[in-house]
Amino acid sequence: MSAVLSVISREYIKVPVNVKKNGVYVDPTDTIASMAFIDTKTDMPGDTDWTVSSWESGLGHKYYIRCLVGLDGDIELAAGIYWVWIKIEDAPETPIRQVGNVRIIGVIA
């Protein structure tokens, strides 16, 4: 995934996910989903980098982890390029994946 947002915008960054357990698609919306926005491609998110995010249901077995980015959102980002990570907290697994990037353009005067 790749997105470009204005620094004065407020909108959801959404990452599609399909979750299977024992080969069967399941609804993951009862799990805790988080996103991290890291300004260096090679850095891993630390414990304080995660923002608890929400779920959005799509068609079929498609679900989205989403985070409201921007002024008065879940997280505010300065202009720059950020690598997007997702984390799904489920027992016994907690998958953490880098899923793309978001570019924030502009400056606030």
N, C-alpha and C. Protein backbone atom coordinates (compact mmCIF):
# COMPACT_ATOMS: atom_id res chain seq x y z
N MET A 1 0.83 -1.17 0.00
CA MET A 1 0.00 0.00 0.00
C MET A 1 0.88 1.23 0.00
N SER A 2 0.39 2.24 -0.66
CA SER A 2 1.10 3.50 -0.73
C SER A 2 0.05 4.61 -0.76
N ALA A 3 0.28 5.66 -0.01
CA ALA A 3 -0.69 6.76 0.05
C ALA A 3 0.05 8.09 0.15
N VAL A 4 -0.61 9.15 -0.31
CA VAL A 4 -0.10 10.51 -0.19
C VAL A 4 -1.20 11.34 0.46
N LEU A 5 -0.87 12.02 1.56
CA LEU A 5 -1.82 12.86 2.28
C LEU A 5 -1.22 14.24 2.48
N SER A 6 -2.07 15.23 2.54
CA SER A 6 -1.64 16.58 2.89
C SER A 6 -1.48 16.66 4.40
N VAL A 7 -0.54 17.45 4.85
CA VAL A 7 -0.31 17.64 6.28
C VAL A 7 -1.53 18.26 6.97
N ILE A 8 -2.41 18.92 6.22
CA ILE A 8 -3.61 19.53 6.81
C ILE A 8 -4.85 18.64 6.66
N SER A 9 -4.67 17.45 6.11
CA SER A 9 -5.76 16.51 5.92
C SER A 9 -5.99 15.66 7.17
N ARG A 10 -7.16 15.06 7.27
CA ARG A 10 -7.44 14.05 8.30
C ARG A 10 -8.23 12.95 7.61
N GLU A 11 -7.60 11.78 7.47
CA GLU A 11 -8.26 10.67 6.80
C GLU A 11 -7.70 9.34 7.26
N TYR A 12 -8.48 8.28 7.01
CA TYR A 12 -8.05 6.95 7.41
C TYR A 12 -6.99 6.40 6.45
N ILE A 13 -5.96 5.82 7.03
CA ILE A 13 -5.04 4.96 6.29
C ILE A 13 -5.57 3.55 6.54
N LYS A 14 -5.89 2.84 5.47
CA LYS A 14 -6.49 1.51 5.60
C LYS A 14 -5.57 0.46 4.99
N VAL A 15 -5.47 -0.67 5.68
CA VAL A 15 -4.66 -1.79 5.20
C VAL A 15 -5.56 -3.02 5.14
N PRO A 16 -5.74 -3.60 3.95
CA PRO A 16 -6.58 -4.79 3.85
C PRO A 16 -5.90 -6.01 4.47
N VAL A 17 -6.68 -6.82 5.17
CA VAL A 17 -6.16 -8.06 5.75
C VAL A 17 -7.18 -9.18 5.57
N ASN A 18 -6.68 -10.38 5.37
CA ASN A 18 -7.48 -11.60 5.40
C ASN A 18 -6.88 -12.45 6.51
N VAL A 19 -7.72 -12.98 7.38
CA VAL A 19 -7.23 -13.77 8.50
C VAL A 19 -7.80 -15.18 8.40
N LYS A 20 -6.90 -16.17 8.47
CA LYS A 20 -7.30 -17.57 8.46
C LYS A 20 -6.82 -18.25 9.72
N LYS A 21 -7.67 -19.12 10.26
CA LYS A 21 -7.29 -20.01 11.35
C LYS A 21 -7.65 -21.42 10.91
N ASN A 22 -6.64 -22.29 10.95
CA ASN A 22 -6.83 -23.68 10.51
C ASN A 22 -7.40 -23.74 9.09
N GLY A 23 -6.94 -22.82 8.23
CA GLY A 23 -7.35 -22.83 6.83
C GLY A 23 -8.70 -22.22 6.54
N VAL A 24 -9.36 -21.67 7.55
CA VAL A 24 -10.70 -21.10 7.38
C VAL A 24 -10.65 -19.60 7.67
N TYR A 25 -11.24 -18.80 6.78
CA TYR A 25 -11.30 -17.36 7.01
C TYR A 25 -12.12 -17.07 8.26
N VAL A 26 -11.63 -16.12 9.08
CA VAL A 26 -12.33 -15.73 10.30
C VAL A 26 -12.43 -14.21 10.37
N ASP A 27 -13.38 -13.76 11.17
CA ASP A 27 -13.59 -12.34 11.43
C ASP A 27 -12.59 -11.92 12.52
N PRO A 28 -11.65 -11.02 12.21
CA PRO A 28 -10.63 -10.64 13.20
C PRO A 28 -11.01 -9.45 14.08
N THR A 29 -12.21 -8.93 13.92
CA THR A 29 -12.54 -7.65 14.55
C THR A 29 -12.64 -7.70 16.07
N ASP A 30 -12.53 -8.89 16.66
CA ASP A 30 -12.50 -8.97 18.12
C ASP A 30 -11.07 -8.94 18.66
N THR A 31 -10.09 -8.77 17.78
CA THR A 31 -8.69 -8.68 18.19
C THR A 31 -8.26 -7.21 18.23
N ILE A 32 -7.16 -6.95 18.92
CA ILE A 32 -6.63 -5.59 18.98
C ILE A 32 -5.71 -5.37 17.78
N ALA A 33 -6.02 -4.34 17.00
CA ALA A 33 -5.22 -3.98 15.83
C ALA A 33 -4.50 -2.67 16.12
N SER A 34 -3.25 -2.57 15.72
CA SER A 34 -2.47 -1.34 15.90
C SER A 34 -1.70 -1.06 14.63
N MET A 35 -1.36 0.22 14.45
CA MET A 35 -0.52 0.64 13.34
C MET A 35 0.61 1.50 13.88
N ALA A 36 1.74 1.44 13.20
CA ALA A 36 2.89 2.28 13.52
C ALA A 36 3.36 2.94 12.24
N PHE A 37 3.84 4.16 12.37
CA PHE A 37 4.33 4.95 11.23
C PHE A 37 5.77 5.34 11.57
N ILE A 38 6.72 4.71 10.89
CA ILE A 38 8.15 4.85 11.19
C ILE A 38 8.83 5.59 10.05
N ASP A 39 9.65 6.59 10.38
CA ASP A 39 10.23 7.42 9.32
C ASP A 39 11.52 6.88 8.71
N THR A 40 11.90 5.67 9.06
CA THR A 40 13.07 5.03 8.47
C THR A 40 12.68 3.62 8.05
N LYS A 41 12.91 3.28 6.80
CA LYS A 41 12.48 1.98 6.27
C LYS A 41 13.06 0.80 7.04
N THR A 42 14.27 0.93 7.53
CA THR A 42 14.94 -0.20 8.16
C THR A 42 14.70 -0.31 9.67
N ASP A 43 14.07 0.70 10.27
CA ASP A 43 13.80 0.64 11.71
C ASP A 43 12.54 -0.16 12.00
N MET A 44 12.56 -0.86 13.12
CA MET A 44 11.40 -1.61 13.58
C MET A 44 10.64 -0.74 14.58
N PRO A 45 9.32 -0.89 14.66
CA PRO A 45 8.57 -0.12 15.66
C PRO A 45 8.92 -0.56 17.08
N GLY A 46 9.03 0.42 17.96
CA GLY A 46 9.21 0.13 19.37
C GLY A 46 7.86 0.10 20.08
N ASP A 47 7.87 -0.25 21.34
CA ASP A 47 6.63 -0.37 22.10
C ASP A 47 5.79 0.90 22.09
N THR A 48 6.43 2.06 22.09
CA THR A 48 5.68 3.32 22.15
C THR A 48 5.28 3.86 20.78
N ASP A 49 5.66 3.17 19.70
CA ASP A 49 5.33 3.62 18.35
C ASP A 49 3.93 3.21 17.89
N TRP A 50 3.31 2.28 18.59
CA TRP A 50 2.04 1.71 18.14
C TRP A 50 0.86 2.61 18.51
N THR A 51 -0.06 2.77 17.57
CA THR A 51 -1.31 3.48 17.79
C THR A 51 -2.44 2.47 17.64
N VAL A 52 -3.24 2.31 18.70
CA VAL A 52 -4.37 1.39 18.61
C VAL A 52 -5.29 1.88 17.50
N SER A 53 -5.67 0.97 16.62
CA SER A 53 -6.45 1.30 15.45
C SER A 53 -7.79 0.58 15.50
N SER A 54 -8.59 0.79 14.49
CA SER A 54 -9.91 0.16 14.45
C SER A 54 -10.02 -0.76 13.25
N TRP A 55 -11.11 -1.50 13.21
CA TRP A 55 -11.39 -2.42 12.11
C TRP A 55 -12.52 -1.87 11.26
N GLU A 56 -12.46 -2.16 9.97
CA GLU A 56 -13.56 -1.88 9.05
C GLU A 56 -13.84 -3.16 8.28
N SER A 57 -15.12 -3.50 8.17
CA SER A 57 -15.50 -4.71 7.43
C SER A 57 -15.72 -4.37 5.97
N GLY A 58 -15.28 -5.28 5.10
CA GLY A 58 -15.49 -5.13 3.67
C GLY A 58 -16.35 -6.28 3.14
N LEU A 59 -16.29 -6.49 1.87
CA LEU A 59 -17.06 -7.57 1.25
C LEU A 59 -16.36 -8.91 1.44
N GLY A 60 -17.15 -9.95 1.61
CA GLY A 60 -16.57 -11.28 1.73
C GLY A 60 -15.73 -11.41 2.98
N HIS A 61 -14.51 -11.87 2.80
CA HIS A 61 -13.61 -12.08 3.93
C HIS A 61 -12.59 -10.95 4.06
N LYS A 62 -12.89 -9.81 3.50
CA LYS A 62 -11.95 -8.69 3.51
C LYS A 62 -12.23 -7.78 4.70
N TYR A 63 -11.19 -7.50 5.45
CA TYR A 63 -11.25 -6.58 6.57
C TYR A 63 -10.11 -5.60 6.42
N TYR A 64 -10.26 -4.44 7.05
CA TYR A 64 -9.23 -3.40 6.98
C TYR A 64 -8.86 -2.96 8.38
N ILE A 65 -7.57 -2.85 8.65
CA ILE A 65 -7.10 -2.15 9.83
C ILE A 65 -6.99 -0.70 9.40
N ARG A 66 -7.52 0.20 10.23
CA ARG A 66 -7.49 1.61 9.84
C ARG A 66 -7.09 2.49 11.01
N CYS A 67 -6.41 3.58 10.65
CA CYS A 67 -5.95 4.55 11.63
C CYS A 67 -6.24 5.94 11.06
N LEU A 68 -6.86 6.79 11.85
CA LEU A 68 -7.18 8.14 11.41
C LEU A 68 -5.94 9.03 11.58
N VAL A 69 -5.38 9.44 10.45
CA VAL A 69 -4.13 10.19 10.44
C VAL A 69 -4.43 11.65 10.11
N GLY A 70 -3.85 12.55 10.89
CA GLY A 70 -3.98 13.98 10.60
C GLY A 70 -4.41 14.76 11.82
N LEU A 71 -4.68 16.03 11.60
CA LEU A 71 -5.06 16.94 12.68
C LEU A 71 -6.25 16.39 13.44
N ASP A 72 -6.12 16.27 14.76
CA ASP A 72 -7.17 15.73 15.65
C ASP A 72 -7.54 14.30 15.33
N GLY A 73 -6.66 13.57 14.66
CA GLY A 73 -6.90 12.15 14.38
C GLY A 73 -6.28 11.28 15.47
N ASP A 74 -6.15 10.00 15.18
CA ASP A 74 -5.50 9.08 16.13
C ASP A 74 -4.01 9.39 16.26
N ILE A 75 -3.42 9.89 15.18
CA ILE A 75 -2.00 10.26 15.18
C ILE A 75 -1.80 11.41 14.18
N GLU A 76 -0.95 12.36 14.55
CA GLU A 76 -0.59 13.46 13.65
C GLU A 76 0.84 13.25 13.19
N LEU A 77 1.07 13.38 11.89
CA LEU A 77 2.40 13.18 11.31
C LEU A 77 2.86 14.45 10.62
N ALA A 78 4.12 14.80 10.83
CA ALA A 78 4.73 15.93 10.13
C ALA A 78 5.01 15.51 8.68
N ALA A 79 5.32 16.47 7.85
CA ALA A 79 5.66 16.17 6.46
C ALA A 79 6.84 15.21 6.42
N GLY A 80 6.75 14.23 5.52
CA GLY A 80 7.81 13.24 5.38
C GLY A 80 7.25 11.92 4.87
N ILE A 81 8.12 10.92 4.79
CA ILE A 81 7.73 9.58 4.35
C ILE A 81 7.80 8.66 5.55
N TYR A 82 6.75 7.89 5.75
CA TYR A 82 6.65 6.97 6.88
C TYR A 82 6.36 5.56 6.38
N TRP A 83 7.02 4.59 6.96
CA TRP A 83 6.78 3.19 6.66
C TRP A 83 5.68 2.70 7.60
N VAL A 84 4.68 2.08 7.02
CA VAL A 84 3.48 1.67 7.76
C VAL A 84 3.63 0.22 8.20
N TRP A 85 3.37 -0.02 9.49
CA TRP A 85 3.40 -1.35 10.08
C TRP A 85 2.05 -1.65 10.68
N ILE A 86 1.64 -2.91 10.66
CA ILE A 86 0.43 -3.33 11.34
C ILE A 86 0.77 -4.42 12.35
N LYS A 87 -0.05 -4.50 13.39
CA LYS A 87 0.10 -5.54 14.41
C LYS A 87 -1.30 -6.00 14.79
N ILE A 88 -1.49 -7.33 14.82
CA ILE A 88 -2.76 -7.92 15.25
C ILE A 88 -2.45 -8.78 16.46
N GLU A 89 -3.04 -8.41 17.59
CA GLU A 89 -2.78 -9.14 18.83
C GLU A 89 -3.82 -10.25 19.00
N ASP A 90 -3.37 -11.47 18.83
CA ASP A 90 -4.23 -12.64 18.94
C ASP A 90 -3.42 -13.75 19.59
N ALA A 91 -4.06 -14.66 20.27
CA ALA A 91 -3.33 -15.75 20.92
C ALA A 91 -3.39 -16.99 20.05
N PRO A 92 -2.31 -17.68 19.83
CA PRO A 92 -0.98 -17.45 20.39
C PRO A 92 -0.11 -16.56 19.50
N GLU A 93 -0.61 -16.12 18.36
CA GLU A 93 0.21 -15.35 17.42
C GLU A 93 -0.04 -13.84 17.57
N THR A 94 0.99 -13.07 17.24
CA THR A 94 0.88 -11.62 17.11
C THR A 94 1.66 -11.23 15.86
N PRO A 95 1.00 -11.31 14.70
CA PRO A 95 1.71 -10.93 13.47
C PRO A 95 1.99 -9.43 13.42
N ILE A 96 3.20 -9.10 13.01
CA ILE A 96 3.64 -7.71 12.82
C ILE A 96 4.27 -7.64 11.44
N ARG A 97 3.74 -6.73 10.61
CA ARG A 97 4.22 -6.66 9.22
C ARG A 97 4.37 -5.22 8.76
N GLN A 98 5.41 -5.00 7.96
CA GLN A 98 5.55 -3.73 7.26
C GLN A 98 4.72 -3.87 5.99
N VAL A 99 3.81 -2.91 5.74
CA VAL A 99 2.84 -3.08 4.66
C VAL A 99 2.90 -2.02 3.58
N GLY A 100 3.79 -1.05 3.70
CA GLY A 100 3.88 -0.02 2.68
C GLY A 100 4.34 1.29 3.27
N ASN A 101 3.95 2.38 2.61
CA ASN A 101 4.36 3.69 3.11
C ASN A 101 3.29 4.74 2.87
N VAL A 102 3.41 5.82 3.60
CA VAL A 102 2.55 6.98 3.42
C VAL A 102 3.46 8.21 3.35
N ARG A 103 3.16 9.08 2.42
CA ARG A 103 3.91 10.32 2.27
C ARG A 103 3.02 11.47 2.70
N ILE A 104 3.48 12.27 3.63
CA ILE A 104 2.76 13.45 4.10
C ILE A 104 3.42 14.66 3.47
N ILE A 105 2.63 15.45 2.75
CA ILE A 105 3.21 16.59 2.02
C ILE A 105 2.69 17.91 2.58
N GLY A 106 3.50 18.96 2.46
CA GLY A 106 3.12 20.30 2.88
C GLY A 106 3.68 20.63 4.25
N VAL A 107 3.45 21.86 4.64
CA VAL A 107 3.88 22.34 5.95
C VAL A 107 2.78 23.19 6.54
N ILE A 108 2.74 23.26 7.86
CA ILE A 108 1.78 24.14 8.54
C ILE A 108 2.51 25.43 8.89
N ALA A 109 1.98 26.55 8.45
CA ALA A 109 2.62 27.85 8.70
C ALA A 109 2.43 28.30 10.13
